[in-house]
Amino acid sequence: MAGWLRAPWPRADEVLEAAIHDDKPGDPRVALVAAEALVEIRRHKTAAKRSVATTVTSCRLACPADRIEHLRLALDDVAAAARAGAIALIEIEDGEGTAITAAVELEEPSAP
C-alpha cells in the first residue's frame, strides 16, 4: 500500500498523559465502558452488513447503574466514534443485567 504511513502504537506513558484532565489522572473504567458501548453499536452495523462509517440515526444504550456515570463521561466520544448524532442512556437496575446493550437504527443506504 504505497503512500500509507504507519504510526507507531502509543507508549503507555503517552496514553496516561493524554488521560489527564484538569491535572487529574483519568479513570480507566471510563475507557473500558466506552469501548464496550462502541463495540455494541458496531455489532449492530456488522449484523446489518453495513460499514462502521454508517451514520446512526437513533441509539439507546442500556447500561448497568454501577457503570452509567463512567459511560456518561465518555458519551460524546462514543457518539462521535459511532457516527451517532445523539445517544440516549437507560439505566439498568441491579439484577437486570451486567452488559451494555444497544438499540440502534442506521441511516438508510443510498440508492445505487
N, C-alpha and C. Protein backbone atom coordinates (compact mmCIF):
# COMPACT_ATOMS: atom_id res chain seq x y z
N MET A 1 0.84 -1.18 0.00
CA MET A 1 0.00 0.00 0.00
C MET A 1 0.88 1.24 0.00
N ALA A 2 1.30 1.61 -1.14
CA ALA A 2 2.17 2.77 -1.27
C ALA A 2 1.44 4.02 -0.80
N GLY A 3 2.15 4.89 -0.11
CA GLY A 3 1.57 6.13 0.33
C GLY A 3 1.00 6.10 1.74
N TRP A 4 0.81 4.91 2.31
CA TRP A 4 0.27 4.81 3.66
C TRP A 4 1.40 4.92 4.66
N LEU A 5 1.23 5.75 5.64
CA LEU A 5 2.21 5.86 6.71
C LEU A 5 1.65 5.17 7.93
N ARG A 6 2.46 4.38 8.55
CA ARG A 6 2.02 3.68 9.75
C ARG A 6 2.55 4.41 10.97
N ALA A 7 1.64 4.81 11.81
CA ALA A 7 2.04 5.45 13.06
C ALA A 7 2.36 4.37 14.09
N PRO A 8 3.34 4.61 14.92
CA PRO A 8 3.65 3.62 15.95
C PRO A 8 2.54 3.61 17.01
N TRP A 9 2.39 2.47 17.68
CA TRP A 9 1.45 2.40 18.79
C TRP A 9 1.92 3.36 19.87
N PRO A 10 0.98 4.02 20.54
CA PRO A 10 1.40 4.93 21.61
C PRO A 10 2.01 4.16 22.77
N ARG A 11 2.95 4.81 23.44
CA ARG A 11 3.54 4.22 24.64
C ARG A 11 2.57 4.42 25.80
N ALA A 12 2.69 3.58 26.82
CA ALA A 12 1.80 3.66 27.98
C ALA A 12 1.83 5.04 28.62
N ASP A 13 3.01 5.64 28.72
CA ASP A 13 3.10 6.96 29.35
C ASP A 13 2.38 8.02 28.52
N GLU A 14 2.37 7.87 27.19
CA GLU A 14 1.66 8.81 26.33
C GLU A 14 0.15 8.68 26.52
N VAL A 15 -0.32 7.47 26.66
CA VAL A 15 -1.76 7.25 26.87
C VAL A 15 -2.17 7.82 28.22
N LEU A 16 -1.39 7.55 29.25
CA LEU A 16 -1.72 8.06 30.58
C LEU A 16 -1.69 9.58 30.61
N GLU A 17 -0.73 10.16 29.92
CA GLU A 17 -0.63 11.62 29.87
C GLU A 17 -1.84 12.22 29.16
N ALA A 18 -2.30 11.56 28.11
CA ALA A 18 -3.47 12.04 27.37
C ALA A 18 -4.74 11.94 28.19
N ALA A 19 -4.76 11.06 29.18
CA ALA A 19 -5.95 10.86 30.01
C ALA A 19 -6.05 11.87 31.15
N ILE A 20 -5.06 12.72 31.31
CA ILE A 20 -5.08 13.71 32.39
C ILE A 20 -6.00 14.86 31.98
N HIS A 21 -6.91 15.20 32.89
CA HIS A 21 -7.84 16.30 32.66
C HIS A 21 -7.89 17.13 33.93
N ASP A 22 -7.68 18.43 33.80
CA ASP A 22 -7.65 19.32 34.96
C ASP A 22 -6.66 18.83 36.02
N ASP A 23 -5.49 18.40 35.55
CA ASP A 23 -4.41 17.92 36.41
C ASP A 23 -4.78 16.68 37.23
N LYS A 24 -5.81 15.96 36.81
CA LYS A 24 -6.21 14.72 37.50
C LYS A 24 -6.10 13.57 36.51
N PRO A 25 -5.58 12.43 36.97
CA PRO A 25 -5.48 11.28 36.06
C PRO A 25 -6.87 10.76 35.69
N GLY A 26 -6.96 10.24 34.50
CA GLY A 26 -8.23 9.67 34.04
C GLY A 26 -8.53 8.34 34.71
N ASP A 27 -9.80 7.99 34.70
CA ASP A 27 -10.25 6.73 35.27
C ASP A 27 -10.32 5.71 34.14
N PRO A 28 -9.53 4.63 34.21
CA PRO A 28 -9.54 3.65 33.11
C PRO A 28 -10.89 2.98 32.91
N ARG A 29 -11.75 3.01 33.94
CA ARG A 29 -13.08 2.42 33.78
C ARG A 29 -13.91 3.17 32.75
N VAL A 30 -13.65 4.46 32.59
CA VAL A 30 -14.37 5.25 31.58
C VAL A 30 -14.06 4.71 30.19
N ALA A 31 -12.79 4.47 29.92
CA ALA A 31 -12.39 3.94 28.61
C ALA A 31 -12.95 2.54 28.37
N LEU A 32 -12.95 1.71 29.41
CA LEU A 32 -13.46 0.35 29.25
C LEU A 32 -14.96 0.34 28.95
N VAL A 33 -15.72 1.17 29.65
CA VAL A 33 -17.17 1.23 29.41
C VAL A 33 -17.44 1.84 28.04
N ALA A 34 -16.68 2.85 27.66
CA ALA A 34 -16.85 3.46 26.34
C ALA A 34 -16.57 2.46 25.23
N ALA A 35 -15.52 1.69 25.40
CA ALA A 35 -15.18 0.67 24.40
C ALA A 35 -16.27 -0.38 24.29
N GLU A 36 -16.82 -0.81 25.43
CA GLU A 36 -17.90 -1.80 25.41
C GLU A 36 -19.13 -1.26 24.68
N ALA A 37 -19.46 0.01 24.92
CA ALA A 37 -20.61 0.63 24.26
C ALA A 37 -20.38 0.72 22.75
N LEU A 38 -19.18 1.12 22.36
CA LEU A 38 -18.88 1.24 20.94
C LEU A 38 -18.91 -0.12 20.24
N VAL A 39 -18.40 -1.13 20.89
CA VAL A 39 -18.46 -2.50 20.34
C VAL A 39 -19.91 -2.90 20.11
N GLU A 40 -20.75 -2.60 21.06
CA GLU A 40 -22.16 -2.98 20.95
C GLU A 40 -22.85 -2.26 19.78
N ILE A 41 -22.54 -0.98 19.60
CA ILE A 41 -23.12 -0.23 18.47
C ILE A 41 -22.60 -0.79 17.15
N ARG A 42 -21.30 -1.04 17.09
CA ARG A 42 -20.72 -1.57 15.85
C ARG A 42 -21.20 -2.98 15.54
N ARG A 43 -21.57 -3.73 16.57
CA ARG A 43 -22.13 -5.07 16.36
C ARG A 43 -23.42 -4.97 15.53
N HIS A 44 -24.21 -3.95 15.79
CA HIS A 44 -25.45 -3.74 15.03
C HIS A 44 -25.14 -3.40 13.57
N LYS A 45 -24.12 -2.60 13.37
CA LYS A 45 -23.73 -2.25 11.99
C LYS A 45 -23.27 -3.49 11.25
N THR A 46 -22.47 -4.31 11.90
CA THR A 46 -21.98 -5.53 11.28
C THR A 46 -23.12 -6.49 10.97
N ALA A 47 -24.05 -6.65 11.90
CA ALA A 47 -25.18 -7.54 11.69
C ALA A 47 -26.03 -7.08 10.51
N ALA A 48 -26.08 -5.78 10.30
CA ALA A 48 -26.85 -5.23 9.17
C ALA A 48 -26.02 -5.20 7.88
N LYS A 49 -24.79 -5.72 7.97
CA LYS A 49 -23.87 -5.74 6.82
C LYS A 49 -23.62 -4.34 6.28
N ARG A 50 -23.39 -3.44 7.21
CA ARG A 50 -23.14 -2.04 6.88
C ARG A 50 -21.75 -1.64 7.35
N SER A 51 -21.22 -0.63 6.77
CA SER A 51 -19.91 -0.11 7.13
C SER A 51 -19.95 0.50 8.53
N VAL A 52 -18.81 0.46 9.23
CA VAL A 52 -18.75 1.12 10.53
C VAL A 52 -18.88 2.64 10.36
N ALA A 53 -18.71 3.13 9.14
CA ALA A 53 -18.86 4.56 8.87
C ALA A 53 -20.32 4.97 8.67
N THR A 54 -21.24 4.01 8.67
CA THR A 54 -22.65 4.31 8.51
C THR A 54 -23.14 5.19 9.66
N THR A 55 -23.92 6.19 9.34
CA THR A 55 -24.47 7.09 10.35
C THR A 55 -25.55 6.39 11.16
N VAL A 56 -25.49 6.59 12.47
CA VAL A 56 -26.50 6.07 13.38
C VAL A 56 -27.56 7.17 13.54
N THR A 57 -28.81 6.87 13.18
CA THR A 57 -29.86 7.87 13.29
C THR A 57 -30.54 7.86 14.64
N SER A 58 -30.48 6.74 15.33
CA SER A 58 -31.08 6.63 16.66
C SER A 58 -30.32 5.57 17.44
N CYS A 59 -30.03 5.87 18.69
CA CYS A 59 -29.31 4.90 19.53
C CYS A 59 -29.72 5.06 20.98
N ARG A 60 -30.04 3.92 21.59
CA ARG A 60 -30.31 3.87 23.03
C ARG A 60 -29.38 2.83 23.62
N LEU A 61 -28.61 3.24 24.61
CA LEU A 61 -27.72 2.32 25.31
C LEU A 61 -28.27 2.06 26.69
N ALA A 62 -28.44 0.79 27.02
CA ALA A 62 -28.84 0.40 28.37
C ALA A 62 -27.57 -0.02 29.10
N CYS A 63 -27.34 0.59 30.25
CA CYS A 63 -26.08 0.38 30.97
C CYS A 63 -26.38 0.13 32.44
N PRO A 64 -25.67 -0.82 33.05
CA PRO A 64 -25.85 -1.08 34.48
C PRO A 64 -25.60 0.18 35.31
N ALA A 65 -26.37 0.33 36.37
CA ALA A 65 -26.31 1.52 37.22
C ALA A 65 -24.92 1.80 37.75
N ASP A 66 -24.15 0.74 38.05
CA ASP A 66 -22.82 0.96 38.64
C ASP A 66 -21.79 1.48 37.63
N ARG A 67 -22.16 1.52 36.33
CA ARG A 67 -21.21 2.00 35.32
C ARG A 67 -21.74 3.14 34.48
N ILE A 68 -22.97 3.56 34.72
CA ILE A 68 -23.58 4.55 33.84
C ILE A 68 -22.87 5.91 33.92
N GLU A 69 -22.38 6.27 35.10
CA GLU A 69 -21.68 7.55 35.21
C GLU A 69 -20.37 7.55 34.42
N HIS A 70 -19.70 6.40 34.37
CA HIS A 70 -18.49 6.29 33.56
C HIS A 70 -18.84 6.48 32.08
N LEU A 71 -19.92 5.86 31.64
CA LEU A 71 -20.34 5.99 30.25
C LEU A 71 -20.78 7.42 29.95
N ARG A 72 -21.44 8.05 30.87
CA ARG A 72 -21.89 9.43 30.67
C ARG A 72 -20.69 10.35 30.40
N LEU A 73 -19.57 10.11 31.08
CA LEU A 73 -18.36 10.92 30.89
C LEU A 73 -17.79 10.78 29.48
N ALA A 74 -17.99 9.63 28.88
CA ALA A 74 -17.41 9.36 27.55
C ALA A 74 -18.44 9.41 26.43
N LEU A 75 -19.66 9.80 26.75
CA LEU A 75 -20.75 9.68 25.77
C LEU A 75 -20.52 10.48 24.50
N ASP A 76 -19.98 11.68 24.59
CA ASP A 76 -19.71 12.47 23.38
C ASP A 76 -18.70 11.77 22.48
N ASP A 77 -17.67 11.18 23.09
CA ASP A 77 -16.66 10.47 22.31
C ASP A 77 -17.23 9.20 21.68
N VAL A 78 -18.08 8.48 22.42
CA VAL A 78 -18.72 7.29 21.87
C VAL A 78 -19.61 7.67 20.70
N ALA A 79 -20.38 8.74 20.86
CA ALA A 79 -21.26 9.19 19.78
C ALA A 79 -20.46 9.58 18.54
N ALA A 80 -19.36 10.28 18.74
CA ALA A 80 -18.53 10.68 17.60
C ALA A 80 -17.93 9.46 16.89
N ALA A 81 -17.41 8.52 17.68
CA ALA A 81 -16.80 7.32 17.09
C ALA A 81 -17.83 6.45 16.39
N ALA A 82 -19.06 6.44 16.90
CA ALA A 82 -20.12 5.62 16.31
C ALA A 82 -20.83 6.33 15.16
N ARG A 83 -20.52 7.61 14.99
CA ARG A 83 -21.21 8.44 13.98
C ARG A 83 -22.69 8.55 14.32
N ALA A 84 -22.96 8.83 15.60
CA ALA A 84 -24.32 9.00 16.09
C ALA A 84 -24.52 10.45 16.51
N GLY A 85 -25.63 11.03 16.09
CA GLY A 85 -25.91 12.41 16.47
C GLY A 85 -26.12 12.55 17.96
N ALA A 86 -26.85 11.63 18.51
CA ALA A 86 -27.13 11.64 19.95
C ALA A 86 -27.37 10.20 20.40
N ILE A 87 -27.07 9.96 21.65
CA ILE A 87 -27.29 8.63 22.24
C ILE A 87 -28.06 8.83 23.53
N ALA A 88 -29.15 8.10 23.66
CA ALA A 88 -29.93 8.13 24.90
C ALA A 88 -29.43 7.02 25.83
N LEU A 89 -29.29 7.35 27.10
CA LEU A 89 -28.85 6.36 28.09
C LEU A 89 -30.03 5.89 28.92
N ILE A 90 -30.06 4.60 29.16
CA ILE A 90 -31.07 3.99 30.01
C ILE A 90 -30.34 3.23 31.10
N GLU A 91 -30.68 3.51 32.32
CA GLU A 91 -30.02 2.84 33.45
C GLU A 91 -30.67 1.49 33.73
N ILE A 92 -29.84 0.46 33.79
CA ILE A 92 -30.30 -0.88 34.14
C ILE A 92 -30.20 -1.02 35.65
N GLU A 93 -31.29 -1.38 36.27
CA GLU A 93 -31.29 -1.58 37.72
C GLU A 93 -30.57 -2.87 38.08
N ASP A 94 -30.13 -2.97 39.31
CA ASP A 94 -29.47 -4.18 39.79
C ASP A 94 -30.34 -5.40 39.49
N GLY A 95 -29.71 -6.45 39.03
CA GLY A 95 -30.41 -7.70 38.75
C GLY A 95 -31.01 -7.78 37.36
N GLU A 96 -30.93 -6.69 36.59
CA GLU A 96 -31.50 -6.68 35.23
C GLU A 96 -30.46 -6.98 34.16
N GLY A 97 -29.22 -7.19 34.54
CA GLY A 97 -28.16 -7.49 33.58
C GLY A 97 -26.89 -6.76 33.92
N THR A 98 -25.80 -7.25 33.35
CA THR A 98 -24.50 -6.64 33.63
C THR A 98 -23.83 -6.08 32.38
N ALA A 99 -24.36 -6.41 31.21
CA ALA A 99 -23.75 -5.97 29.96
C ALA A 99 -24.45 -4.71 29.44
N ILE A 100 -23.70 -3.93 28.70
CA ILE A 100 -24.28 -2.80 27.99
C ILE A 100 -24.96 -3.35 26.74
N THR A 101 -26.19 -2.91 26.51
CA THR A 101 -26.91 -3.33 25.31
C THR A 101 -27.31 -2.09 24.53
N ALA A 102 -27.54 -2.28 23.23
CA ALA A 102 -27.87 -1.14 22.37
C ALA A 102 -29.07 -1.44 21.50
N ALA A 103 -29.87 -0.42 21.28
CA ALA A 103 -30.92 -0.44 20.27
C ALA A 103 -30.51 0.63 19.27
N VAL A 104 -30.26 0.22 18.03
CA VAL A 104 -29.64 1.11 17.04
C VAL A 104 -30.46 1.13 15.76
N GLU A 105 -30.64 2.32 15.22
CA GLU A 105 -31.23 2.50 13.89
C GLU A 105 -30.19 3.19 13.02
N LEU A 106 -30.02 2.67 11.83
CA LEU A 106 -29.00 3.18 10.92
C LEU A 106 -29.61 3.97 9.78
N GLU A 107 -28.81 4.88 9.25
CA GLU A 107 -29.21 5.65 8.09
C GLU A 107 -29.48 4.69 6.93
N GLU A 108 -30.52 4.95 6.18
CA GLU A 108 -30.86 4.13 5.04
C GLU A 108 -29.73 4.20 4.01
N PRO A 109 -29.42 3.06 3.37
CA PRO A 109 -28.37 3.10 2.35
C PRO A 109 -28.82 3.95 1.17
N SER A 110 -27.85 4.61 0.56
CA SER A 110 -28.18 5.42 -0.62
C SER A 110 -28.47 4.51 -1.81
N ALA A 111 -29.34 4.98 -2.67
CA ALA A 111 -29.71 4.20 -3.86
C ALA A 111 -28.52 4.12 -4.81
N PRO A 112 -28.35 2.94 -5.44
CA PRO A 112 -27.21 2.79 -6.37
C PRO A 112 -27.39 3.61 -7.63
